[in-house]
């Protein structure tokens, strides 16, 4: 008996995969926020020049300009009213 069309369709997530379940989501959670802050610093303080950021920014300068969490930020963030 020939297979039906539905038996040949590969559905996303039908196989257990540690990469799809843990590795890639964890990578995004860890890498995206610091990358966003670094891009913000490049645009705001270095005129959008990555080369200027890499050559002139020191660790002390980056740490001093790194935005810290605040109550105001928690109020602005959508869906975060549970922590106020």
Protein backbone atom coordinates (compact mmCIF):
# COMPACT_ATOMS: atom_id res chain seq x y z
CA UNK A 1 0.00 0.00 0.00
CA UNK A 2 1.57 3.38 -1.02
CA UNK A 3 2.07 6.02 1.69
CA UNK A 4 -0.41 8.84 1.86
CA UNK A 5 0.57 12.47 1.44
CA UNK A 6 0.31 13.09 5.20
CA UNK A 7 2.80 10.31 5.99
CA UNK A 8 5.49 12.02 3.91
CA UNK A 9 5.13 15.43 5.56
CA UNK A 10 7.76 16.22 8.15
CA UNK A 11 6.28 18.28 10.94
CA UNK A 12 8.51 20.62 12.94
CA UNK A 13 9.43 19.14 16.28
CA UNK A 14 8.29 15.57 15.67
CA UNK A 15 11.71 14.20 16.62
CA UNK A 16 13.16 14.89 20.03
CA UNK A 17 16.14 17.17 19.54
CA UNK A 18 18.28 18.57 22.35
CA UNK A 19 19.43 21.36 20.04
CA UNK A 20 15.91 22.58 19.26
CA UNK A 21 14.70 22.05 22.81
CA UNK A 22 17.62 23.38 24.89
CA UNK A 23 20.72 24.55 23.04
CA UNK A 24 19.35 27.10 20.57
CA UNK A 25 16.77 28.68 22.91
CA UNK A 26 19.42 28.93 25.66
CA UNK A 27 21.85 30.47 23.18
CA UNK A 28 19.28 33.12 22.23
CA UNK A 29 18.41 33.89 25.86
CA UNK A 30 22.07 34.35 26.77
CA UNK A 31 23.35 36.15 23.67
CA UNK A 32 20.54 38.48 22.54
CA UNK A 33 20.32 40.89 25.53
CA UNK A 34 24.06 41.71 25.68
CA UNK A 35 24.20 42.03 21.90
CA UNK A 36 21.27 44.45 21.96
CA UNK A 37 22.95 46.58 24.64
CA UNK A 38 26.26 46.55 22.73
CA UNK A 39 24.51 47.65 19.53
CA UNK A 40 22.71 50.40 21.47
CA UNK A 41 26.05 51.65 22.87
CA UNK A 42 27.60 51.59 19.40
CA UNK A 43 24.78 53.70 17.96
CA UNK A 44 24.34 56.15 20.85
CA UNK A 45 27.92 56.76 22.01
CA UNK A 46 30.04 55.96 18.94
CA UNK A 47 27.93 57.28 16.09
CA UNK A 48 27.16 53.81 14.77
CA UNK A 49 30.82 53.00 14.12
CA UNK A 50 31.73 49.48 15.20
CA UNK A 51 35.42 50.22 14.54
CA UNK A 52 35.29 53.26 16.83
CA UNK A 53 33.59 51.18 19.53
CA UNK A 54 36.17 48.39 19.31
CA UNK A 55 39.18 50.73 19.28
CA UNK A 56 38.11 53.37 21.82
CA UNK A 57 35.67 51.77 24.27
CA UNK A 58 37.23 50.44 27.47
CA UNK A 59 35.71 47.84 29.78
CA UNK A 60 35.26 50.56 32.43
CA UNK A 61 33.40 52.79 29.99
CA UNK A 62 31.13 49.95 28.85
CA UNK A 63 30.40 48.92 32.45
CA UNK A 64 29.65 52.53 33.44
CA UNK A 65 27.21 52.99 30.56
CA UNK A 66 25.57 49.58 30.90
CA UNK A 67 21.90 50.15 31.76
CA UNK A 68 20.96 48.70 35.13
CA UNK A 69 17.50 47.33 35.91
CA UNK A 70 15.11 49.75 37.56
CA UNK A 71 11.55 49.94 38.77
CA UNK A 72 10.71 52.30 35.92
CA UNK A 73 11.95 49.77 33.38
CA UNK A 74 9.87 47.05 35.03
CA UNK A 75 6.76 49.24 34.73
CA UNK A 76 7.46 49.93 31.05
CA UNK A 77 8.03 46.31 30.08
CA UNK A 78 4.78 44.70 28.91
CA UNK A 79 3.60 41.74 30.91
CA UNK A 80 5.95 42.42 33.80
CA UNK A 81 3.38 43.79 36.23
CA UNK A 82 3.74 40.65 38.34
CA UNK A 83 7.15 41.81 39.64
CA UNK A 84 6.07 45.32 40.71
